[in-house]
Amino acid sequence: MSGYDATKWGALGGGWVDAEALEAIQEARRAPAGAMALHRSWLRSRVEQTGWRIVKAGDDGDALQGRIGPAAFIVIWSLAYEQDGALWLHVSASHRHRIPQWAEMAEVKRVFVEDRWACQLHPPDGEYVNLHDRVLHLFAPFSPEAWPLPDFTAGLGTI
């Protein structure tokens, strides 16, 4: 790319985006300081009990290192306003050599999302972006009562 300026451009989703435009988008999505402090305080007290340690604190969330059974994981959580106008919790979990297994993601959800609805997304092929092939993501509304999806159980409690 001719005229490449590392201070202005960055990789995102396999393409190149203007870093200034990306910063403007991130600023618009930024969670309020009060929500960040509340979630960070709750999460830190919780992760101390489960053996996870913070390896990097960020403006919009934290990166943590811990174990699920014998396997070492990195988990990154963040809060952001999404296009629906709601504040969402995003949790990603990665293993060095493989994709996390179902039971491991259930444990990540238990520790980082707690007992509320969360989802994994499987977008259409044309919208699929994979920045890391050993990471899975969970998304949950910050407000537990704000679950936006219908009850797929038809009131029966099972799918």
Protein backbone atom coordinates (compact mmCIF):
# COMPACT_ATOMS: atom_id res chain seq x y z
CA MET A 1 0.00 0.00 0.00
CA SER A 2 1.75 3.17 -1.11
CA GLY A 3 1.66 6.09 1.29
CA TYR A 4 0.99 3.76 4.23
CA ASP A 5 1.12 5.65 7.54
CA ALA A 6 0.97 3.32 10.55
CA THR A 7 -0.38 6.14 12.71
CA LYS A 8 -3.38 6.63 10.42
CA TRP A 9 -4.36 3.17 9.15
CA GLY A 10 -5.03 -0.15 10.82
CA ALA A 11 -6.19 -3.63 9.92
CA LEU A 12 -9.76 -4.57 10.75
CA GLY A 13 -11.58 -7.61 9.47
CA GLY A 14 -9.02 -8.35 6.78
CA GLY A 15 -9.29 -4.86 5.26
CA TRP A 16 -7.83 -1.47 5.98
CA VAL A 17 -9.71 1.27 7.79
CA ASP A 18 -8.89 4.86 8.58
CA ALA A 19 -7.71 4.92 12.22
CA GLU A 20 -9.34 8.32 12.82
CA ALA A 21 -12.70 7.04 11.57
CA LEU A 22 -12.31 3.91 13.71
CA GLU A 23 -11.55 6.05 16.79
CA ALA A 24 -14.69 8.13 16.14
CA ILE A 25 -16.79 4.94 15.94
CA GLN A 26 -15.21 3.57 19.11
CA GLU A 27 -15.82 6.85 20.94
CA ALA A 28 -19.51 6.80 19.95
CA ARG A 29 -19.80 3.21 21.23
CA ARG A 30 -17.92 3.83 24.50
CA ALA A 31 -19.77 2.75 27.63
CA PRO A 32 -20.37 5.35 30.34
CA ALA A 33 -17.70 5.47 33.04
CA GLY A 34 -20.23 4.49 35.71
CA ALA A 35 -21.23 1.29 33.90
CA MET A 36 -17.56 0.43 33.29
CA ALA A 37 -16.67 0.98 36.95
CA LEU A 38 -19.66 -1.04 38.13
CA HIS A 39 -18.92 -4.00 35.86
CA ARG A 40 -15.16 -3.85 36.47
CA SER A 41 -15.70 -3.83 40.26
CA TRP A 42 -18.16 -6.75 40.09
CA LEU A 43 -15.95 -8.71 37.72
CA ARG A 44 -12.71 -8.17 39.65
CA SER A 45 -14.25 -9.41 42.88
CA ARG A 46 -15.57 -12.45 40.98
CA VAL A 47 -12.39 -13.33 39.10
CA GLU A 48 -10.25 -13.12 42.23
CA GLN A 49 -12.33 -16.00 43.61
CA THR A 50 -11.87 -18.09 40.47
CA GLY A 51 -8.12 -17.68 39.90
CA TRP A 52 -8.22 -15.39 36.85
CA ARG A 53 -5.76 -12.49 36.79
CA ILE A 54 -5.93 -9.25 34.87
CA VAL A 55 -3.04 -8.97 32.40
CA LYS A 56 -4.15 -5.71 30.78
CA ALA A 57 -6.72 -3.12 31.78
CA GLY A 58 -8.19 -1.04 28.98
CA ASP A 59 -10.54 1.89 28.57
CA ASP A 60 -13.39 -0.36 27.46
CA GLY A 61 -12.61 -3.60 29.32
CA ASP A 62 -9.89 -5.96 30.53
CA ALA A 63 -7.81 -8.89 29.32
CA LEU A 64 -7.46 -11.75 31.79
CA GLN A 65 -5.51 -14.96 31.95
CA GLY A 66 -6.73 -18.07 33.71
CA ARG A 67 -7.41 -21.78 33.54
CA ILE A 68 -10.44 -23.86 32.79
CA GLY A 69 -9.47 -27.32 33.98
CA PRO A 70 -5.91 -27.89 32.81
CA ALA A 71 -6.21 -25.54 29.80
CA ALA A 72 -4.85 -21.96 29.84
CA PHE A 73 -7.10 -19.26 28.36
CA ILE A 74 -7.12 -15.56 27.63
CA VAL A 75 -10.46 -13.83 28.09
CA ILE A 76 -11.16 -10.27 27.01
CA TRP A 77 -14.33 -8.47 28.06
CA SER A 78 -15.64 -5.10 26.99
CA LEU A 79 -18.77 -2.97 27.18
CA ALA A 80 -20.05 -0.96 24.23
CA TYR A 81 -23.21 0.61 22.86
CA GLU A 82 -24.22 -1.38 19.80
CA GLN A 83 -26.37 -0.35 16.84
CA ASP A 84 -29.58 -1.11 18.74
CA GLY A 85 -28.66 1.67 21.19
CA ALA A 86 -28.26 -0.78 24.07
CA LEU A 87 -25.17 -1.37 26.17
CA TRP A 88 -23.77 -4.87 25.47
CA LEU A 89 -21.16 -7.00 27.21
CA HIS A 90 -18.74 -8.76 24.84
CA VAL A 91 -16.57 -11.61 26.10
CA SER A 92 -14.03 -13.42 23.92
CA ALA A 93 -12.16 -16.54 24.98
CA SER A 94 -9.08 -17.95 23.30
CA HIS A 95 -6.88 -20.99 23.70
CA ARG A 96 -3.38 -21.11 22.29
CA HIS A 97 -3.78 -24.30 20.22
CA ARG A 98 -7.49 -24.88 19.56
CA ILE A 99 -11.01 -23.47 19.60
CA PRO A 100 -12.59 -23.47 23.07
CA GLN A 101 -14.96 -26.36 23.69
CA TRP A 102 -18.64 -26.02 24.69
CA ALA A 103 -18.02 -26.80 28.37
CA GLU A 104 -15.15 -24.29 28.45
CA MET A 105 -17.35 -21.55 26.96
CA ALA A 106 -20.04 -22.43 29.50
CA GLU A 107 -17.46 -21.84 32.25
CA VAL A 108 -16.40 -18.54 30.65
CA LYS A 109 -20.06 -17.52 30.63
CA ARG A 110 -20.51 -18.58 34.26
CA VAL A 111 -17.54 -16.50 35.41
CA PHE A 112 -17.75 -13.45 33.13
CA VAL A 113 -21.44 -13.14 32.22
CA GLU A 114 -23.00 -14.89 35.22
CA ASP A 115 -26.54 -16.27 35.22
CA ARG A 116 -28.11 -14.30 32.37
CA TRP A 117 -28.75 -14.81 28.68
CA ALA A 118 -25.78 -14.67 26.32
CA CYS A 119 -25.37 -15.65 22.69
CA GLN A 120 -22.81 -16.65 20.10
CA LEU A 121 -23.37 -15.29 16.62
CA HIS A 122 -23.06 -17.15 13.33
CA PRO A 123 -23.37 -14.50 10.60
CA PRO A 124 -24.00 -15.12 6.90
CA ASP A 125 -20.86 -16.15 4.98
CA GLY A 126 -20.60 -12.75 3.29
CA GLU A 127 -20.46 -10.96 6.64
CA TYR A 128 -18.20 -13.43 8.46
CA VAL A 129 -14.92 -11.95 9.70
CA ASN A 130 -12.33 -14.09 11.47
CA LEU A 131 -9.45 -12.18 13.05
CA HIS A 132 -8.29 -15.16 15.13
CA ASP A 133 -9.13 -18.79 14.41
CA ARG A 134 -9.00 -19.95 18.06
CA VAL A 135 -11.37 -17.41 19.61
CA LEU A 136 -15.08 -17.65 20.38
CA HIS A 137 -17.28 -14.74 21.45
CA LEU A 138 -20.26 -14.26 23.74
CA PHE A 139 -22.58 -11.25 23.72
CA ALA A 140 -25.03 -10.31 26.47
CA PRO A 141 -27.09 -7.19 27.14
CA PHE A 142 -25.55 -5.26 30.04
CA SER A 143 -28.99 -5.00 31.57
CA PRO A 144 -30.05 -8.63 32.23
CA GLU A 145 -33.75 -7.85 31.78
CA ALA A 146 -33.11 -6.43 28.29
CA TRP A 147 -32.83 -9.73 26.42
CA PRO A 148 -33.90 -8.82 22.86
CA LEU A 149 -34.62 -12.26 21.42
CA PRO A 150 -37.95 -14.10 21.59
CA ASP A 151 -38.60 -17.12 23.80
CA PHE A 152 -37.79 -19.90 21.32
CA THR A 153 -39.13 -22.50 23.77
CA ALA A 154 -42.74 -21.47 22.99
CA GLY A 155 -43.22 -21.28 26.75
CA LEU A 156 -42.25 -24.94 27.25
CA GLY A 157 -38.80 -24.23 28.72
CA THR A 158 -36.99 -26.43 26.17
CA ILE A 159 -36.05 -26.14 22.53
